[in-house]
Amino acid sequence: QVQLVESGGGSVQSGGSLRLSCAVYGVSSSLYCMGWFRQAPGKEREGVATLYRVRGGRYYTDSVKGRFTISQDNAGNTLYLQMNSLRPEDTAMYYCAASGHPGCTGDTEALWRDWGQGIQVTVSS
């Protein structure tokens, strides 16, 4: 199990950029996936971006493709989400998450074990 702490959220105008960071505390070598989810008011939480640490590759939900980039530092202790060309519909609470399940994917929330406390991103028009 790991502890996750997000930072870097805030308010930005439409078209602007933000970078979210997620510090990972604990043994991260057993993690199969790390990623970002978000939940807007009145909506279900959705997977935004996933980094597949063992099999490689990345997943992005359709609405952020070409605008958001998920990455990690060389040590695997910090996860990032670079968000460009932000839109008002990107406004949400963003959560960092980690999974030790080999079947984890960006849209199977039930397989994600560890969660950060969440950080607010607000995009104004």
C-alpha atoms as a PDB file:
ATOM      1  CA  GLN A   1       0.000   0.000   0.000  1.00  0.00           C
ATOM      2  CA  VAL A   2       1.225   3.506  -0.794  1.00  0.00           C
ATOM      3  CA  GLN A   3       0.271   6.987   0.285  1.00  0.00           C
ATOM      4  CA  LEU A   4      -0.431   9.525  -2.418  1.00  0.00           C
ATOM      5  CA  VAL A   5      -0.299  13.307  -2.047  1.00  0.00           C
ATOM      6  CA  GLU A   6      -1.403  15.595  -4.880  1.00  0.00           C
ATOM      7  CA  SER A   7      -0.285  19.157  -5.526  1.00  0.00           C
ATOM      8  CA  GLY A   8      -0.403  21.741  -8.295  1.00  0.00           C
ATOM      9  CA  GLY A   9      -4.117  22.346  -8.710  1.00  0.00           C
ATOM     10  CA  GLY A  10      -5.753  25.741  -8.848  1.00  0.00           C
ATOM     11  CA  SER A  11      -7.684  28.101 -11.074  1.00  0.00           C
ATOM     12  CA  VAL A  12      -6.855  28.972 -14.660  1.00  0.00           C
ATOM     13  CA  GLN A  13      -8.562  30.559 -17.619  1.00  0.00           C
ATOM     14  CA  SER A  14      -9.727  28.571 -20.594  1.00  0.00           C
ATOM     15  CA  GLY A  15      -6.789  27.684 -22.846  1.00  0.00           C
ATOM     16  CA  GLY A  16      -4.324  27.761 -19.973  1.00  0.00           C
ATOM     17  CA  SER A  17      -2.151  25.014 -18.520  1.00  0.00           C
ATOM     18  CA  LEU A  18      -1.592  23.345 -15.181  1.00  0.00           C
ATOM     19  CA  ARG A  19       0.649  20.525 -14.023  1.00  0.00           C
ATOM     20  CA  LEU A  20      -0.507  18.212 -11.282  1.00  0.00           C
ATOM     21  CA  SER A  21       1.995  16.265  -9.220  1.00  0.00           C
ATOM     22  CA  CYS A  22       1.468  13.215  -7.052  1.00  0.00           C
ATOM     23  CA  ALA A  23       4.107  12.211  -4.529  1.00  0.00           C
ATOM     24  CA  VAL A  24       4.203   8.480  -3.802  1.00  0.00           C
ATOM     25  CA  TYR A  25       5.163   7.335  -0.301  1.00  0.00           C
ATOM     26  CA  GLY A  26       5.769   3.661   0.332  1.00  0.00           C
ATOM     27  CA  VAL A  27       6.835   0.711  -1.755  1.00  0.00           C
ATOM     28  CA  SER A  28       5.888   1.557  -5.311  1.00  0.00           C
ATOM     29  CA  SER A  29       7.726  -1.250  -7.088  1.00  0.00           C
ATOM     30  CA  SER A  30       4.709  -3.560  -6.893  1.00  0.00           C
ATOM     31  CA  LEU A  31       2.338  -1.142  -8.608  1.00  0.00           C
ATOM     32  CA  TYR A  32       0.961  -2.118 -12.011  1.00  0.00           C
ATOM     33  CA  CYS A  33      -0.835   1.146 -12.718  1.00  0.00           C
ATOM     34  CA  MET A  34      -0.740   4.734 -11.643  1.00  0.00           C
ATOM     35  CA  GLY A  35      -3.153   7.303 -12.873  1.00  0.00           C
ATOM     36  CA  TRP A  36      -5.438  10.263 -12.526  1.00  0.00           C
ATOM     37  CA  PHE A  37      -9.191  10.297 -12.079  1.00  0.00           C
ATOM     38  CA  ARG A  38     -11.526  13.264 -11.810  1.00  0.00           C
ATOM     39  CA  GLN A  39     -14.988  13.981 -10.521  1.00  0.00           C
ATOM     40  CA  ALA A  40     -17.028  16.998 -11.503  1.00  0.00           C
ATOM     41  CA  PRO A  41     -20.024  18.143  -9.440  1.00  0.00           C
ATOM     42  CA  GLY A  42     -23.017  15.925 -10.087  1.00  0.00           C
ATOM     43  CA  LYS A  43     -21.024  13.463 -12.177  1.00  0.00           C
ATOM     44  CA  GLU A  44     -19.410  10.085 -11.601  1.00  0.00           C
ATOM     45  CA  ARG A  45     -15.684   9.819 -11.157  1.00  0.00           C
ATOM     46  CA  GLU A  46     -13.928   9.001 -14.423  1.00  0.00           C
ATOM     47  CA  GLY A  47     -10.478   7.821 -15.372  1.00  0.00           C
ATOM     48  CA  VAL A  48      -8.509  10.578 -17.083  1.00  0.00           C
ATOM     49  CA  ALA A  49      -5.068   9.104 -17.698  1.00  0.00           C
ATOM     50  CA  THR A  50      -3.277   5.888 -16.754  1.00  0.00           C
ATOM     51  CA  LEU A  51       0.356   4.880 -16.832  1.00  0.00           C
ATOM     52  CA  TYR A  52       0.903   1.145 -17.196  1.00  0.00           C
ATOM     53  CA  ARG A  53       4.114   0.676 -15.228  1.00  0.00           C
ATOM     54  CA  VAL A  54       4.716  -3.014 -15.975  1.00  0.00           C
ATOM     55  CA  ARG A  55       3.401  -3.642 -19.474  1.00  0.00           C
ATOM     56  CA  GLY A  56       4.105  -0.096 -20.666  1.00  0.00           C
ATOM     57  CA  GLY A  57       1.840   2.328 -22.446  1.00  0.00           C
ATOM     58  CA  ARG A  58      -0.642   4.982 -21.489  1.00  0.00           C
ATOM     59  CA  TYR A  59      -4.385   5.390 -21.516  1.00  0.00           C
ATOM     60  CA  TYR A  60      -6.277   8.652 -21.960  1.00  0.00           C
ATOM     61  CA  THR A  61      -9.976   9.241 -21.931  1.00  0.00           C
ATOM     62  CA  ASP A  62     -11.121  10.616 -25.288  1.00  0.00           C
ATOM     63  CA  SER A  63     -11.899  14.118 -24.051  1.00  0.00           C
ATOM     64  CA  VAL A  64      -8.284  14.794 -22.988  1.00  0.00           C
ATOM     65  CA  LYS A  65      -6.340  13.111 -25.788  1.00  0.00           C
ATOM     66  CA  GLY A  66      -3.838  15.496 -27.328  1.00  0.00           C
ATOM     67  CA  ARG A  67      -4.146  17.920 -24.404  1.00  0.00           C
ATOM     68  CA  PHE A  68      -3.076  15.985 -21.304  1.00  0.00           C
ATOM     69  CA  THR A  69       0.124  14.001 -20.756  1.00  0.00           C
ATOM     70  CA  ILE A  70       0.797  11.559 -17.920  1.00  0.00           C
ATOM     71  CA  SER A  71       4.365  10.858 -16.872  1.00  0.00           C
ATOM     72  CA  GLN A  72       6.519   9.887 -13.918  1.00  0.00           C
ATOM     73  CA  ASP A  73       9.985  10.745 -12.706  1.00  0.00           C
ATOM     74  CA  ASN A  74      12.857   8.307 -13.208  1.00  0.00           C
ATOM     75  CA  ALA A  75      12.593   6.905  -9.693  1.00  0.00           C
ATOM     76  CA  GLY A  76       8.857   6.347 -10.010  1.00  0.00           C
ATOM     77  CA  ASN A  77       8.218   8.379  -6.881  1.00  0.00           C
ATOM     78  CA  THR A  78       6.291  11.213  -8.479  1.00  0.00           C
ATOM     79  CA  LEU A  79       3.468  11.061 -10.999  1.00  0.00           C
ATOM     80  CA  TYR A  80       2.593  14.036 -13.167  1.00  0.00           C
ATOM     81  CA  LEU A  81      -0.330  15.178 -15.251  1.00  0.00           C
ATOM     82  CA  GLN A  82       0.470  17.998 -17.655  1.00  0.00           C
ATOM     83  CA  MET A  83      -2.782  19.637 -18.704  1.00  0.00           C
ATOM     84  CA  ASN A  84      -2.756  22.002 -21.678  1.00  0.00           C
ATOM     85  CA  SER A  85      -5.524  23.795 -23.569  1.00  0.00           C
ATOM     86  CA  LEU A  86      -7.755  23.521 -20.534  1.00  0.00           C
ATOM     87  CA  ARG A  87     -11.500  23.886 -20.974  1.00  0.00           C
ATOM     88  CA  PRO A  88     -14.259  24.759 -18.504  1.00  0.00           C
ATOM     89  CA  GLU A  89     -15.466  21.152 -18.747  1.00  0.00           C
ATOM     90  CA  ASP A  90     -12.138  20.043 -17.258  1.00  0.00           C
ATOM     91  CA  THR A  91     -13.199  21.617 -13.974  1.00  0.00           C
ATOM     92  CA  ALA A  92     -13.260  18.872 -11.359  1.00  0.00           C
ATOM     93  CA  MET A  93     -11.619  17.373  -8.321  1.00  0.00           C
ATOM     94  CA  TYR A  94      -8.633  15.397  -9.561  1.00  0.00           C
ATOM     95  CA  TYR A  95      -7.416  12.287  -7.754  1.00  0.00           C
ATOM     96  CA  CYS A  96      -4.136  10.445  -8.017  1.00  0.00           C
ATOM     97  CA  ALA A  97      -4.508   6.676  -7.743  1.00  0.00           C
ATOM     98  CA  ALA A  98      -2.424   3.520  -7.727  1.00  0.00           C
ATOM     99  CA  SER A  99      -3.177  -0.126  -8.331  1.00  0.00           C
ATOM    100  CA  GLY A 100      -1.321  -3.319  -7.534  1.00  0.00           C
ATOM    101  CA  HIS A 101      -3.744  -5.404  -9.600  1.00  0.00           C
ATOM    102  CA  PRO A 102      -2.338  -6.770 -12.867  1.00  0.00           C
ATOM    103  CA  GLY A 103      -5.677  -6.196 -14.603  1.00  0.00           C
ATOM    104  CA  CYS A 104      -5.955  -2.506 -13.766  1.00  0.00           C
ATOM    105  CA  THR A 105      -7.093  -0.181 -16.525  1.00  0.00           C
ATOM    106  CA  GLY A 106      -8.130   3.417 -16.710  1.00  0.00           C
ATOM    107  CA  ASP A 107     -11.838   2.616 -16.627  1.00  0.00           C
ATOM    108  CA  THR A 108     -11.934  -0.114 -13.944  1.00  0.00           C
ATOM    109  CA  GLU A 109     -12.048   1.975 -10.794  1.00  0.00           C
ATOM    110  CA  ALA A 110     -12.807  -1.036  -8.582  1.00  0.00           C
ATOM    111  CA  LEU A 111      -9.279  -2.398  -9.190  1.00  0.00           C
ATOM    112  CA  TRP A 112      -7.574   0.744  -7.886  1.00  0.00           C
ATOM    113  CA  ARG A 113      -6.534   0.425  -4.250  1.00  0.00           C
ATOM    114  CA  ASP A 114      -4.803   3.603  -3.156  1.00  0.00           C
ATOM    115  CA  TRP A 115      -6.121   7.144  -3.563  1.00  0.00           C
ATOM    116  CA  GLY A 116      -4.939  10.648  -2.861  1.00  0.00           C
ATOM    117  CA  GLN A 117      -7.111  13.175  -1.074  1.00  0.00           C
ATOM    118  CA  GLY A 118      -7.945  15.008  -4.278  1.00  0.00           C
ATOM    119  CA  ILE A 119      -7.099  18.454  -5.590  1.00  0.00           C
ATOM    120  CA  GLN A 120      -9.353  21.020  -7.220  1.00  0.00           C
ATOM    121  CA  VAL A 121      -8.871  22.246 -10.773  1.00  0.00           C
ATOM    122  CA  THR A 122     -11.106  25.096 -11.910  1.00  0.00           C
ATOM    123  CA  VAL A 123     -11.130  26.418 -15.478  1.00  0.00           C
ATOM    124  CA  SER A 124     -13.006  29.622 -16.166  1.00  0.00           C
ATOM    125  CA  SER A 125     -14.283  30.717 -19.570  1.00  0.00           C
END
